[in-house]
């Protein structure tokens, strides 16, 4: 099994930055993809960014050029660096780890961007 612990959310003004962290433990070698999702009130959950075991990266169009997903294999941690934040980025952010058979989710961290 994989366990995920998220941190780094908070309140920031528009134009500011935050870095979210997702620390993985357990069966880390079984993870094929890790991603960051977000869900805002009244909206469906959407994929923000993902990184595969082979380091292939994808971003939602709405965050390209502003967000960066990265991985530290020593710390078993995936990061989401969020720059130039806008109020539309306000959401609960969850990280997820995908194996062949399972999906693990972090507990979620709130990101609020004020105008």
N, C-alpha and C. Protein backbone atom coordinates (compact mmCIF):
# COMPACT_ATOMS: atom_id res chain seq x y z
N UNK A 1 0.82 -1.19 0.00
CA UNK A 1 0.00 0.00 0.00
C UNK A 1 0.87 1.25 0.00
N UNK A 2 0.29 2.32 -0.50
CA UNK A 2 0.95 3.62 -0.54
C UNK A 2 0.18 4.57 0.36
N UNK A 3 0.90 5.33 1.14
CA UNK A 3 0.31 6.37 1.96
C UNK A 3 0.89 7.72 1.55
N UNK A 4 0.03 8.73 1.51
CA UNK A 4 0.43 10.05 1.05
C UNK A 4 0.08 11.09 2.12
N UNK A 5 1.01 11.97 2.38
CA UNK A 5 0.79 13.06 3.33
C UNK A 5 1.12 14.36 2.62
N UNK A 6 0.15 15.27 2.58
CA UNK A 6 0.29 16.53 1.88
C UNK A 6 0.52 17.67 2.86
N UNK A 7 1.18 18.70 2.37
CA UNK A 7 1.39 19.90 3.15
C UNK A 7 1.64 21.07 2.20
N UNK A 8 1.59 22.27 2.74
CA UNK A 8 1.97 23.45 1.99
C UNK A 8 0.86 24.37 1.58
N UNK A 9 -0.38 23.98 1.79
CA UNK A 9 -1.48 24.85 1.43
C UNK A 9 -1.56 26.05 2.34
N UNK A 10 -2.39 26.99 1.94
CA UNK A 10 -2.55 28.18 2.74
C UNK A 10 -3.25 29.28 1.98
N UNK A 11 -3.21 30.45 2.55
CA UNK A 11 -3.82 31.64 1.97
C UNK A 11 -2.73 32.52 1.39
N UNK A 12 -2.92 32.95 0.16
CA UNK A 12 -1.94 33.78 -0.50
C UNK A 12 -2.66 34.79 -1.39
N UNK A 13 -2.06 35.94 -1.56
CA UNK A 13 -2.63 36.94 -2.45
C UNK A 13 -2.34 36.60 -3.91
N UNK A 14 -3.20 37.09 -4.78
CA UNK A 14 -2.99 36.90 -6.20
C UNK A 14 -1.60 37.38 -6.60
N UNK A 15 -0.95 36.59 -7.43
CA UNK A 15 0.41 36.88 -7.84
C UNK A 15 1.46 36.20 -6.98
N UNK A 16 1.05 35.65 -5.86
CA UNK A 16 1.97 35.00 -4.96
C UNK A 16 2.25 33.56 -5.35
N UNK A 17 3.00 32.89 -4.49
CA UNK A 17 3.44 31.53 -4.76
C UNK A 17 3.23 30.64 -3.54
N UNK A 18 3.03 29.36 -3.81
CA UNK A 18 2.99 28.33 -2.79
C UNK A 18 3.65 27.09 -3.35
N UNK A 19 4.19 26.28 -2.47
CA UNK A 19 4.71 24.99 -2.87
C UNK A 19 4.04 23.90 -2.05
N UNK A 20 3.35 23.02 -2.74
CA UNK A 20 2.72 21.88 -2.10
C UNK A 20 3.66 20.69 -2.12
N UNK A 21 3.63 19.92 -1.05
CA UNK A 21 4.46 18.73 -0.94
C UNK A 21 3.58 17.51 -0.71
N UNK A 22 3.98 16.40 -1.26
CA UNK A 22 3.27 15.14 -1.08
C UNK A 22 4.31 14.07 -0.81
N UNK A 23 4.39 13.65 0.43
CA UNK A 23 5.36 12.64 0.84
C UNK A 23 4.73 11.26 0.78
N UNK A 24 5.36 10.36 0.08
CA UNK A 24 4.85 9.01 -0.10
C UNK A 24 5.61 8.02 0.76
N UNK A 25 4.90 7.04 1.25
CA UNK A 25 5.52 5.95 1.99
C UNK A 25 4.79 4.65 1.64
N UNK A 26 5.38 3.54 2.04
CA UNK A 26 4.80 2.25 1.73
C UNK A 26 5.43 1.65 0.49
N UNK A 27 4.59 1.12 -0.37
CA UNK A 27 5.06 0.42 -1.58
C UNK A 27 5.38 1.41 -2.69
N UNK A 28 6.38 2.22 -2.45
CA UNK A 28 6.71 3.30 -3.37
C UNK A 28 7.12 2.77 -4.74
N UNK A 29 7.80 1.66 -4.79
CA UNK A 29 8.26 1.12 -6.06
C UNK A 29 7.13 0.72 -6.98
N UNK A 30 5.94 0.56 -6.44
CA UNK A 30 4.79 0.16 -7.25
C UNK A 30 4.09 1.34 -7.91
N UNK A 31 4.47 2.56 -7.59
CA UNK A 31 3.82 3.74 -8.13
C UNK A 31 4.25 3.97 -9.58
N UNK A 32 3.28 4.09 -10.46
CA UNK A 32 3.57 4.37 -11.86
C UNK A 32 3.38 5.84 -12.22
N UNK A 33 2.41 6.47 -11.59
CA UNK A 33 2.10 7.87 -11.87
C UNK A 33 1.73 8.55 -10.57
N UNK A 34 2.17 9.78 -10.40
CA UNK A 34 1.68 10.62 -9.33
C UNK A 34 1.14 11.90 -9.93
N UNK A 35 0.10 12.40 -9.33
CA UNK A 35 -0.52 13.59 -9.85
C UNK A 35 -1.10 14.46 -8.77
N UNK A 36 -1.33 15.70 -9.15
CA UNK A 36 -2.02 16.66 -8.30
C UNK A 36 -3.37 16.96 -8.92
N UNK A 37 -4.40 16.84 -8.12
CA UNK A 37 -5.76 17.17 -8.52
C UNK A 37 -6.26 18.31 -7.65
N UNK A 38 -7.27 19.00 -8.15
CA UNK A 38 -7.90 20.03 -7.34
C UNK A 38 -9.40 20.02 -7.57
N UNK A 39 -10.12 20.45 -6.57
CA UNK A 39 -11.56 20.55 -6.67
C UNK A 39 -12.00 21.83 -5.99
N UNK A 40 -12.62 22.69 -6.77
CA UNK A 40 -13.16 23.93 -6.27
C UNK A 40 -14.65 23.76 -6.00
N UNK A 41 -15.21 24.59 -5.13
CA UNK A 41 -16.65 24.48 -4.86
C UNK A 41 -17.48 24.59 -6.13
N UNK A 42 -18.41 23.66 -6.29
CA UNK A 42 -19.28 23.67 -7.45
C UNK A 42 -18.66 23.13 -8.71
N UNK A 43 -17.43 22.67 -8.65
CA UNK A 43 -16.77 22.14 -9.82
C UNK A 43 -16.33 20.70 -9.58
N UNK A 44 -16.15 19.98 -10.67
CA UNK A 44 -15.64 18.63 -10.58
C UNK A 44 -14.13 18.64 -10.36
N UNK A 45 -13.65 17.55 -9.82
CA UNK A 45 -12.23 17.40 -9.62
C UNK A 45 -11.51 17.40 -10.97
N UNK A 46 -10.40 18.09 -11.04
CA UNK A 46 -9.64 18.15 -12.27
C UNK A 46 -8.18 17.84 -12.01
N UNK A 47 -7.56 17.26 -13.00
CA UNK A 47 -6.13 16.97 -12.93
C UNK A 47 -5.36 18.25 -13.21
N UNK A 48 -4.47 18.59 -12.32
CA UNK A 48 -3.64 19.78 -12.47
C UNK A 48 -2.32 19.45 -13.14
N UNK A 49 -1.67 18.43 -12.65
CA UNK A 49 -0.37 18.03 -13.18
C UNK A 49 -0.10 16.59 -12.80
N UNK A 50 0.68 15.91 -13.60
CA UNK A 50 1.05 14.53 -13.32
C UNK A 50 2.48 14.28 -13.75
N UNK A 51 3.09 13.30 -13.12
CA UNK A 51 4.44 12.88 -13.48
C UNK A 51 4.49 11.37 -13.40
N UNK A 52 5.01 10.74 -14.43
CA UNK A 52 5.08 9.29 -14.48
C UNK A 52 6.38 8.79 -13.90
N UNK A 53 6.45 7.49 -13.72
CA UNK A 53 7.66 6.86 -13.24
C UNK A 53 8.84 7.16 -14.16
N UNK A 54 8.56 7.30 -15.45
CA UNK A 54 9.58 7.65 -16.42
C UNK A 54 9.79 9.14 -16.59
N UNK A 55 9.22 9.94 -15.69
CA UNK A 55 9.40 11.39 -15.63
C UNK A 55 8.70 12.13 -16.77
N UNK A 56 7.69 11.54 -17.34
CA UNK A 56 6.86 12.28 -18.28
C UNK A 56 5.90 13.17 -17.50
N UNK A 57 5.77 14.40 -17.92
CA UNK A 57 5.00 15.40 -17.19
C UNK A 57 3.90 15.96 -18.08
N UNK A 58 2.73 16.14 -17.48
CA UNK A 58 1.62 16.80 -18.16
C UNK A 58 1.00 17.82 -17.23
N UNK A 59 0.50 18.90 -17.82
CA UNK A 59 -0.16 19.96 -17.07
C UNK A 59 -1.51 20.28 -17.69
N UNK A 60 -2.41 20.70 -16.84
CA UNK A 60 -3.64 21.30 -17.35
C UNK A 60 -3.31 22.60 -18.05
N UNK A 61 -4.05 22.91 -19.11
CA UNK A 61 -3.78 24.13 -19.85
C UNK A 61 -3.86 25.37 -18.96
N UNK A 62 -4.72 25.33 -17.97
CA UNK A 62 -4.93 26.49 -17.13
C UNK A 62 -3.75 26.82 -16.23
N UNK A 63 -2.83 25.89 -16.06
CA UNK A 63 -1.69 26.12 -15.17
C UNK A 63 -0.35 26.08 -15.88
N UNK A 64 -0.34 25.79 -17.16
CA UNK A 64 0.92 25.74 -17.89
C UNK A 64 1.64 27.08 -17.82
N UNK A 65 2.91 27.01 -17.54
CA UNK A 65 3.71 28.21 -17.41
C UNK A 65 3.70 28.81 -16.03
N UNK A 66 2.80 28.35 -15.17
CA UNK A 66 2.71 28.88 -13.81
C UNK A 66 3.05 27.83 -12.75
N UNK A 67 2.66 26.59 -12.99
CA UNK A 67 2.88 25.52 -12.03
C UNK A 67 3.97 24.58 -12.54
N UNK A 68 4.69 23.99 -11.62
CA UNK A 68 5.72 23.02 -11.95
C UNK A 68 5.61 21.83 -11.00
N UNK A 69 5.50 20.64 -11.57
CA UNK A 69 5.51 19.43 -10.77
C UNK A 69 6.91 18.85 -10.82
N UNK A 70 7.38 18.35 -9.69
CA UNK A 70 8.70 17.77 -9.62
C UNK A 70 8.72 16.66 -8.59
N UNK A 71 9.78 15.90 -8.60
CA UNK A 71 9.89 14.74 -7.71
C UNK A 71 11.28 14.67 -7.12
N UNK A 72 11.36 14.36 -5.85
CA UNK A 72 12.61 14.12 -5.16
C UNK A 72 12.61 12.65 -4.76
N UNK A 73 13.37 11.85 -5.47
CA UNK A 73 13.37 10.42 -5.21
C UNK A 73 14.03 10.04 -3.89
N UNK A 74 14.92 10.88 -3.42
CA UNK A 74 15.57 10.62 -2.14
C UNK A 74 14.57 10.77 -1.00
N UNK A 75 13.77 11.82 -1.07
CA UNK A 75 12.78 12.09 -0.04
C UNK A 75 11.43 11.43 -0.33
N UNK A 76 11.30 10.78 -1.47
CA UNK A 76 10.04 10.17 -1.88
C UNK A 76 8.89 11.18 -1.82
N UNK A 77 9.15 12.35 -2.36
CA UNK A 77 8.21 13.44 -2.28
C UNK A 77 8.00 14.07 -3.65
N UNK A 78 6.76 14.37 -3.95
CA UNK A 78 6.39 15.09 -5.16
C UNK A 78 5.94 16.49 -4.76
N UNK A 79 6.35 17.46 -5.53
CA UNK A 79 6.06 18.85 -5.24
C UNK A 79 5.21 19.47 -6.35
N UNK A 80 4.46 20.46 -5.98
CA UNK A 80 3.78 21.30 -6.94
C UNK A 80 4.12 22.74 -6.60
N UNK A 81 5.00 23.32 -7.38
CA UNK A 81 5.35 24.72 -7.22
C UNK A 81 4.33 25.56 -7.99
N UNK A 82 3.65 26.43 -7.29
CA UNK A 82 2.59 27.23 -7.88
C UNK A 82 2.98 28.69 -7.81
N UNK A 83 3.19 29.28 -8.97
CA UNK A 83 3.56 30.68 -9.08
C UNK A 83 2.45 31.46 -9.78
N UNK A 84 2.52 32.76 -9.65
CA UNK A 84 1.54 33.64 -10.30
C UNK A 84 0.12 33.19 -10.03
N UNK A 85 -0.16 32.91 -8.79
CA UNK A 85 -1.47 32.38 -8.42
C UNK A 85 -2.57 33.39 -8.67
N UNK A 86 -3.71 32.87 -9.09
CA UNK A 86 -4.89 33.67 -9.35
C UNK A 86 -6.05 33.11 -8.54
N UNK A 87 -7.08 33.90 -8.30
CA UNK A 87 -8.20 33.39 -7.49
C UNK A 87 -8.82 32.11 -8.02
N UNK A 88 -8.78 31.90 -9.32
CA UNK A 88 -9.33 30.69 -9.91
C UNK A 88 -8.57 29.43 -9.50
N UNK A 89 -7.40 29.59 -8.93
CA UNK A 89 -6.65 28.45 -8.43
C UNK A 89 -7.14 27.98 -7.07
N UNK A 90 -8.02 28.73 -6.45
CA UNK A 90 -8.54 28.36 -5.14
C UNK A 90 -9.27 27.02 -5.21
N UNK A 91 -8.85 26.09 -4.38
CA UNK A 91 -9.42 24.75 -4.39
C UNK A 91 -8.78 23.93 -3.29
N UNK A 92 -9.34 22.76 -3.05
CA UNK A 92 -8.68 21.75 -2.25
C UNK A 92 -7.82 20.93 -3.20
N UNK A 93 -6.55 20.84 -2.89
CA UNK A 93 -5.61 20.11 -3.72
C UNK A 93 -5.29 18.77 -3.08
N UNK A 94 -5.38 17.72 -3.87
CA UNK A 94 -5.04 16.37 -3.44
C UNK A 94 -3.95 15.81 -4.33
N UNK A 95 -3.02 15.10 -3.73
CA UNK A 95 -2.12 14.32 -4.55
C UNK A 95 -2.62 12.89 -4.62
N UNK A 96 -2.23 12.20 -5.66
CA UNK A 96 -2.66 10.83 -5.88
C UNK A 96 -1.50 10.02 -6.41
N UNK A 97 -1.47 8.76 -6.05
CA UNK A 97 -0.47 7.82 -6.53
C UNK A 97 -1.17 6.65 -7.16
N UNK A 98 -0.80 6.34 -8.39
CA UNK A 98 -1.44 5.28 -9.15
C UNK A 98 -0.49 4.12 -9.35
N UNK A 99 -0.95 2.94 -8.96
CA UNK A 99 -0.26 1.70 -9.27
C UNK A 99 -1.08 0.94 -10.30
N UNK A 100 -0.64 -0.25 -10.64
CA UNK A 100 -1.40 -1.07 -11.58
C UNK A 100 -2.79 -1.36 -11.04
N UNK A 101 -2.89 -1.56 -9.74
CA UNK A 101 -4.13 -2.05 -9.16
C UNK A 101 -4.86 -1.05 -8.27
N UNK A 102 -4.17 -0.03 -7.78
CA UNK A 102 -4.77 0.82 -6.76
C UNK A 102 -4.49 2.29 -7.02
N UNK A 103 -5.26 3.12 -6.34
CA UNK A 103 -5.05 4.55 -6.31
C UNK A 103 -5.04 4.99 -4.85
N UNK A 104 -4.02 5.72 -4.46
CA UNK A 104 -3.94 6.29 -3.13
C UNK A 104 -4.11 7.79 -3.21
N UNK A 105 -4.78 8.35 -2.23
CA UNK A 105 -5.05 9.78 -2.19
C UNK A 105 -4.53 10.38 -0.90
N UNK A 106 -4.00 11.58 -1.00
CA UNK A 106 -3.66 12.32 0.18
C UNK A 106 -4.90 12.91 0.82
N UNK A 107 -4.71 13.51 1.99
CA UNK A 107 -5.84 14.01 2.75
C UNK A 107 -6.38 15.33 2.20
N UNK A 108 -5.64 15.99 1.37
CA UNK A 108 -6.05 17.25 0.81
C UNK A 108 -5.50 18.44 1.57
N UNK A 109 -5.21 19.49 0.85
CA UNK A 109 -4.75 20.72 1.46
C UNK A 109 -5.41 21.90 0.75
N UNK A 110 -5.89 22.84 1.53
CA UNK A 110 -6.64 23.97 0.99
C UNK A 110 -5.69 25.05 0.49
N UNK A 111 -5.93 25.49 -0.73
CA UNK A 111 -5.23 26.63 -1.30
C UNK A 111 -6.26 27.71 -1.57
N UNK A 112 -6.06 28.87 -0.99
CA UNK A 112 -6.96 29.99 -1.19
C UNK A 112 -6.17 31.18 -1.70
N UNK A 113 -6.60 31.72 -2.82
CA UNK A 113 -5.93 32.85 -3.44
C UNK A 113 -6.88 34.03 -3.41
N UNK A 114 -6.49 35.07 -2.74
CA UNK A 114 -7.32 36.26 -2.63
C UNK A 114 -6.93 37.27 -3.70
N UNK A 115 -7.90 38.05 -4.13
CA UNK A 115 -7.66 39.06 -5.15
C UNK A 115 -7.28 40.39 -4.53
